[in-house]
Protein backbone atom coordinates (compact mmCIF):
# COMPACT_ATOMS: atom_id res chain seq x y z
CA MET A 1 1.11 -17.87 16.38
CA ILE A 2 0.00 -15.40 13.72
CA SER A 3 -1.38 -11.96 14.53
CA ILE A 4 -3.42 -10.26 11.82
CA VAL A 5 -3.40 -6.46 11.90
CA ILE A 6 -6.15 -4.57 10.07
CA VAL A 7 -6.10 -0.78 9.94
CA ASN A 8 -9.61 0.56 9.58
CA TRP A 9 -10.69 3.99 8.42
CA ASN A 10 -14.32 4.26 7.38
CA SER A 11 -14.25 0.98 5.47
CA GLY A 12 -17.94 0.24 6.02
CA ARG A 13 -19.12 -3.33 5.44
CA LEU A 14 -15.79 -4.29 3.87
CA LEU A 15 -14.23 -4.69 7.31
CA GLU A 16 -16.98 -7.04 8.44
CA ARG A 17 -16.54 -9.20 5.34
CA CYS A 18 -12.77 -9.26 5.88
CA VAL A 19 -13.07 -10.38 9.52
CA HIS A 20 -15.67 -13.03 8.74
CA SER A 21 -13.40 -14.46 6.05
CA LEU A 22 -10.65 -14.76 8.68
CA LEU A 23 -12.95 -16.44 11.17
CA ARG A 24 -13.84 -18.99 8.50
CA ASN A 25 -10.39 -19.62 7.13
CA ALA A 26 -7.95 -18.72 9.92
CA PRO A 27 -9.82 -19.18 13.21
CA GLU A 28 -6.62 -19.85 15.15
CA CYS A 29 -5.13 -16.42 14.35
CA GLN A 30 -5.27 -13.36 16.58
CA ILE A 31 -7.21 -10.54 14.90
CA ILE A 32 -6.28 -6.96 15.80
CA ILE A 33 -8.21 -3.98 14.41
CA VAL A 34 -6.70 -0.53 14.76
CA ASP A 35 -9.34 2.09 14.01
CA ASN A 36 -8.17 5.51 12.87
CA ALA A 37 -11.07 7.56 14.25
CA SER A 38 -13.65 6.24 11.80
CA THR A 39 -16.92 8.14 11.65
CA ASP A 40 -18.96 5.38 10.03
CA SER A 41 -20.44 2.24 11.58
CA SER A 42 -17.74 -0.13 10.34
CA LEU A 43 -16.98 -1.45 13.85
CA GLY A 44 -20.61 -2.10 14.77
CA PHE A 45 -20.50 -5.80 13.89
CA ALA A 46 -17.59 -6.64 16.20
CA LYS A 47 -19.63 -7.17 19.38
CA GLU A 48 -21.95 -9.62 17.64
CA ILE A 49 -19.36 -12.17 16.53
CA ARG A 50 -17.63 -14.96 18.35
CA ALA A 51 -14.00 -14.37 19.35
CA GLU A 52 -14.35 -10.59 19.29
CA PRO A 53 -11.19 -9.04 17.79
CA VAL A 54 -8.78 -6.91 19.79
CA ILE A 55 -9.72 -3.34 18.89
CA PHE A 56 -7.71 -0.17 19.36
CA ARG A 57 -9.70 3.02 18.83
CA ASN A 58 -7.56 6.04 18.01
CA ASP A 59 -9.12 9.42 18.77
CA ARG A 60 -7.61 10.82 15.56
CA ASN A 61 -6.31 9.49 12.28
CA VAL A 62 -2.68 8.74 13.14
CA GLY A 63 -1.96 7.39 9.68
CA PHE A 64 -1.55 3.93 8.22
CA ALA A 65 2.05 3.42 9.35
CA ALA A 66 1.47 4.45 12.97
CA ALA A 67 -1.70 2.37 13.21
CA ASN A 68 0.11 -0.71 11.91
CA ASN A 69 2.87 -0.13 14.46
CA ILE A 70 0.28 -0.03 17.25
CA GLY A 71 -1.17 -3.30 16.00
CA TRP A 72 1.94 -5.42 15.56
CA ARG A 73 3.53 -4.26 18.79
CA ALA A 74 0.41 -5.28 20.71
CA GLY A 75 0.14 -8.64 18.96
CA LYS A 76 1.23 -11.98 20.36
CA GLY A 77 2.28 -13.58 17.09
CA THR A 78 5.77 -14.38 15.88
CA HIS A 79 4.44 -13.64 12.39
CA ILE A 80 2.38 -10.53 11.63
CA LEU A 81 -0.01 -10.39 8.68
CA PHE A 82 -0.84 -6.82 7.65
CA LEU A 83 -4.19 -7.06 5.90
CA ASN A 84 -6.29 -4.34 4.31
CA PRO A 85 -9.98 -4.23 5.28
CA ASP A 86 -10.96 -4.37 1.61
CA THR A 87 -9.61 -7.93 1.29
CA GLU A 88 -11.13 -11.34 1.98
CA CYS A 89 -9.01 -14.32 2.91
CA LEU A 90 -9.53 -17.49 0.84
CA PRO A 91 -8.99 -21.04 2.20
CA GLU A 92 -5.38 -22.07 3.01
CA SER A 93 -4.00 -18.67 2.01
CA ILE A 94 -2.55 -17.79 5.40
CA VAL A 95 -1.07 -21.30 5.66
CA HIS A 96 0.77 -20.68 2.37
CA LEU A 97 2.22 -17.43 3.72
CA ALA A 98 3.27 -18.92 7.06
CA ASN A 99 4.86 -21.98 5.44
CA ALA A 100 6.95 -19.78 3.16
CA ILE A 101 8.51 -18.05 6.17
CA ALA A 102 8.79 -21.18 8.29
CA GLY A 103 10.51 -23.08 5.50
CA ASP A 104 13.32 -20.59 4.91
CA PRO A 105 14.86 -18.37 7.64
CA GLY A 106 16.19 -16.05 4.94
CA VAL A 107 12.63 -15.02 4.05
CA TRP A 108 11.64 -12.12 6.28
CA ALA A 109 8.37 -11.24 4.54
CA VAL A 110 5.95 -12.78 2.08
CA GLY A 111 3.03 -11.43 0.09
CA GLY A 112 0.05 -13.14 -1.44
CA GLN A 113 -1.82 -12.81 -4.71
CA LEU A 114 -4.66 -10.32 -4.99
CA ILE A 115 -7.57 -11.37 -7.16
CA SER A 116 -10.69 -9.58 -8.32
CA ALA A 117 -14.25 -10.72 -7.65
CA SER A 118 -14.16 -12.51 -11.01
CA GLY A 119 -11.14 -14.53 -9.89
CA ARG A 120 -8.63 -12.79 -12.15
CA PRO A 121 -5.22 -11.79 -10.73
CA GLN A 122 -4.86 -8.05 -10.19
CA SER A 123 -1.52 -7.80 -11.93
CA GLY A 124 -1.20 -4.07 -11.33
CA PHE A 125 -1.16 -4.61 -7.57
CA ASN A 126 0.52 -7.94 -6.94
CA VAL A 127 4.26 -7.38 -7.44
CA ARG A 128 6.33 -4.36 -8.36
CA PRO A 129 10.02 -3.46 -8.50
CA PHE A 130 11.24 -0.69 -6.24
CA PRO A 131 10.59 2.83 -7.57
CA SER A 132 13.21 4.39 -9.82
CA ILE A 133 13.65 7.81 -11.37
CA GLY A 134 13.13 6.24 -14.79
CA ARG A 135 9.84 4.76 -13.64
CA VAL A 136 8.69 8.16 -12.36
CA ALA A 137 9.64 9.77 -15.69
CA ALA A 138 7.78 7.11 -17.68
CA GLU A 139 4.61 7.63 -15.65
CA MET A 140 4.64 11.41 -15.30
CA LEU A 141 5.70 12.29 -18.86
CA PHE A 142 3.38 9.82 -20.65
CA ILE A 143 6.32 7.75 -21.90
CA ASP A 144 4.30 4.63 -21.04
CA LYS A 145 1.57 5.82 -23.40
CA VAL A 146 3.73 6.55 -26.44
CA TRP A 147 6.47 3.92 -25.94
CA LYS A 148 4.83 0.87 -24.41
CA ALA A 149 7.98 -1.26 -24.74
CA ASN A 150 10.15 1.13 -22.72
CA PRO A 151 12.61 -0.53 -20.31
CA TRP A 152 10.75 0.69 -17.23
CA ALA A 153 7.53 -0.91 -18.45
CA ARG A 154 9.42 -4.17 -19.06
CA ALA A 155 10.67 -4.08 -15.48
CA ASN A 156 7.07 -3.87 -14.27
CA ARG A 157 6.05 -7.02 -16.14
CA ILE A 158 7.13 -9.03 -13.13
CA ALA A 159 3.63 -8.20 -11.86
CA ARG A 160 2.18 -10.74 -14.29
CA ASN A 161 4.29 -13.61 -12.98
CA THR A 162 2.40 -16.48 -11.35
CA ARG A 163 5.28 -18.45 -9.81
CA ILE A 164 6.85 -18.37 -6.37
CA MET A 165 9.72 -15.92 -6.48
CA ASP A 166 11.80 -13.40 -4.54
CA VAL A 167 10.61 -9.85 -5.20
CA ASP A 168 11.14 -6.23 -4.18
CA GLN A 169 7.65 -5.35 -3.02
CA PRO A 170 4.57 -7.55 -3.06
CA ALA A 171 1.14 -6.09 -2.46
CA ALA A 172 0.97 -4.53 1.01
CA ALA A 173 -2.75 -5.35 1.14
CA CYS A 174 -1.70 -8.82 2.38
CA LEU A 175 1.88 -8.77 3.62
CA MET A 176 3.20 -11.15 6.29
CA VAL A 177 6.37 -10.10 8.13
CA THR A 178 8.22 -11.83 10.93
CA ARG A 179 8.21 -10.06 14.28
CA ARG A 180 11.97 -10.44 14.32
CA ALA A 181 12.23 -8.48 11.06
CA LEU A 182 9.91 -5.74 12.30
CA GLU A 183 11.89 -5.37 15.51
CA SER A 184 15.14 -5.30 13.53
CA ILE A 185 14.07 -2.42 11.27
CA GLY A 186 11.86 -0.61 13.79
CA GLY A 187 8.52 -1.22 12.09
CA PHE A 188 6.87 1.23 9.72
CA ASP A 189 8.25 4.75 9.24
CA GLU A 190 5.48 6.99 10.56
CA GLY A 191 6.83 9.95 8.62
CA PHE A 192 4.94 8.61 5.59
CA HIS A 193 1.66 10.17 6.62
CA PRO A 194 -1.22 9.53 6.33
CA ALA A 195 -0.61 6.81 3.75
CA TRP A 196 1.33 5.63 0.68
CA PHE A 197 4.98 4.59 0.37
CA GLU A 198 5.24 3.37 3.97
CA ASP A 199 4.97 -0.20 2.64
CA VAL A 200 7.56 0.39 -0.09
CA ASP A 201 9.91 1.85 2.50
CA LEU A 202 9.36 -1.13 4.81
CA CYS A 203 10.28 -3.58 2.04
CA ARG A 204 13.28 -1.48 1.03
CA ARG A 205 14.65 -1.57 4.58
CA ILE A 206 14.08 -5.32 4.86
CA ARG A 207 16.06 -5.85 1.68
CA ASN A 208 18.77 -3.41 2.83
CA GLN A 209 19.34 -5.56 5.90
CA GLY A 210 19.69 -8.73 3.86
CA GLY A 211 16.20 -10.11 4.31
CA ARG A 212 14.40 -11.70 1.39
CA ILE A 213 10.80 -11.00 0.39
CA GLN A 214 8.82 -13.66 -1.39
CA TYR A 215 5.72 -13.68 -3.55
CA GLN A 216 3.39 -16.64 -2.95
CA PRO A 217 0.67 -16.77 -5.64
CA GLY A 218 -0.96 -19.72 -3.87
CA ALA A 219 -1.96 -17.39 -1.02
CA ARG A 220 -5.00 -15.81 -2.64
CA PHE A 221 -6.96 -12.86 -1.29
CA LEU A 222 -10.03 -11.29 -2.83
CA HIS A 223 -9.31 -7.57 -3.15
CA HIS A 224 -12.05 -5.00 -3.63
CA GLY A 225 -9.71 -1.99 -3.69
CA GLY A 226 -10.10 1.76 -3.63
CA TYR A 227 -11.94 2.15 -0.33
CA SER A 228 -9.55 4.76 1.10
CA LEU A 229 -9.62 6.82 -2.09
CA ALA A 230 -13.39 7.11 -1.77
CA HIS A 231 -12.85 9.37 1.25
CA LEU A 232 -10.28 11.68 -0.37
CA SER A 233 -10.59 14.22 -3.13
CA ARG A 234 -8.44 13.52 -6.18
CA GLN A 235 -6.33 16.57 -5.45
CA ASP A 236 -5.76 15.48 -1.84
CA PHE A 237 -4.63 12.07 -3.08
CA LEU A 238 -2.20 13.57 -5.60
CA GLU A 239 -0.71 15.90 -3.00
CA ILE A 240 -0.24 13.16 -0.39
CA PHE A 241 0.97 10.51 -2.82
CA HIS A 242 3.57 12.68 -4.52
CA ALA A 243 4.80 14.26 -1.28
CA ASN A 244 5.46 10.79 0.15
CA GLN A 245 6.99 9.69 -3.15
CA ILE A 246 9.52 12.52 -2.92
CA ARG A 247 10.19 11.67 0.73
CA TYR A 248 10.91 8.06 -0.25
CA PHE A 249 13.50 9.11 -2.82
CA ARG A 250 15.10 11.60 -0.42
CA LYS A 251 15.37 8.93 2.29
CA HIS A 252 16.80 6.16 0.13
CA TYR A 253 18.64 7.97 -2.68
CA GLY A 254 19.49 11.39 -1.27
CA PRO A 255 18.52 15.03 -1.96
CA ALA A 256 19.75 15.08 -5.56
CA ALA A 257 17.48 12.19 -6.53
CA ALA A 258 14.58 13.75 -4.62
CA SER A 259 15.13 17.00 -6.50
CA ARG A 260 15.04 15.22 -9.88
CA VAL A 261 11.87 13.36 -8.92
CA THR A 262 10.27 16.61 -7.74
CA ARG A 263 10.99 18.23 -11.11
CA LEU A 264 9.52 15.25 -12.97
CA ILE A 265 6.39 15.31 -10.82
CA LEU A 266 5.93 19.04 -11.36
CA MET A 267 6.43 18.68 -15.11
CA GLY A 268 3.87 15.88 -15.20
CA LEU A 269 1.28 17.73 -13.14
CA PHE A 270 1.61 20.98 -15.09
CA LEU A 271 1.46 19.01 -18.35
CA ARG A 272 -1.74 17.31 -17.22
CA SER A 273 -3.21 20.64 -16.20
CA ALA A 274 -2.53 22.08 -19.65
CA LEU A 275 -3.86 19.02 -21.48
CA SER A 276 -7.00 19.09 -19.35
CA LEU A 277 -7.96 22.38 -20.97
CA VAL A 278 -8.37 20.39 -24.19
CA VAL A 279 -9.79 17.15 -22.76
CA SER A 280 -10.44 16.30 -19.12
CA LEU A 281 -7.91 13.81 -17.76
CA ALA A 282 -9.95 13.18 -14.61
CA PRO A 283 -13.09 11.04 -14.82
CA ASN A 284 -16.34 12.88 -14.12
CA LEU A 285 -14.65 16.28 -13.92
CA SER A 286 -15.02 19.12 -16.39
CA ARG A 287 -11.98 20.30 -18.31
CA ALA A 288 -11.68 23.37 -16.08
CA ASP A 289 -11.99 21.36 -12.85
CA SER A 290 -9.50 18.79 -14.10
CA ALA A 291 -7.00 21.51 -14.97
CA ARG A 292 -7.52 23.17 -11.58
CA MET A 293 -6.98 19.90 -9.75
CA PHE A 294 -3.62 19.13 -11.37
CA TRP A 295 -2.52 22.78 -11.07
CA GLY A 296 -3.43 22.82 -7.37
CA ALA A 297 -1.48 19.62 -6.71
CA ALA A 298 1.55 21.06 -8.50
CA ARG A 299 1.37 24.25 -6.45
CA HIS A 300 1.28 22.16 -3.27
CA ILE A 301 4.44 20.28 -4.31
CA LEU A 302 6.11 23.61 -5.14
CA GLU A 303 5.25 24.94 -1.69
CA LEU A 304 6.72 21.84 -0.05
CA ARG A 305 9.91 22.23 -2.09
CA GLU A 306 10.24 25.89 -1.12
CA ALA A 307 9.64 25.05 2.56
CA LYS A 308 12.55 22.57 2.48
CA ALA A 309 14.87 24.94 0.61
């Protein structure tokens, strides 16, 4: 049996479309929705459909990792599909994922291919190598912009591959993991709060224990994307994302690596703040507001660093 866990936080009509796609294309699966104290009407449709999903309503936003842990532990399936509410399942996609795991006991997790509404693969989301200090430097210091053929960019070109292959981290928007693997590693690390890098950490721990992770491009999911960012300010996103990024490096590479990554992030944020005084680097923000946003995020990271010192 397959249990499908969907973490919902103010996803509006996207959740309804996601669930209806599952009822059409995977009616035999158990659907579990874990709601992180949404304040919109995104759960209103649930009582009106056949085979009403199992719904857990948290009285506060416990974060993406904790909500996923609630879902998979309550599920009945031997395979757990973690699915974002901004996705829609296409025919036979879940079968492709399940067959990949069933056909090879060495495969502990498998991800599908995200496509846009136009049917084009979303190469920036589908597959990525694990984070590295070089990758952080290339992104934060604009190396990607001035040296497009840098070695870290070449490593990311795996995202454009369309064949079945073993990978580091497929898109967490549609990631199937065996229950056995989740029990072995203890599920998601809830210290990555409220979101970002908990999926990278999960894949890293699977690989550390010898499990393989596979990319299955035949398992296609329509991905709308960006729904969670719509409820956060840009500065809030930068602060949360980079704080969890530093935590990931500290956990897997030690304090020295985390310190180097922190310095790179600070350099990149302060650089963006300075450049924003010339031209805004944030869409729809003035130069002053853009500069303030990056400066504020950098100050937050500095405060976190000082608190850990």
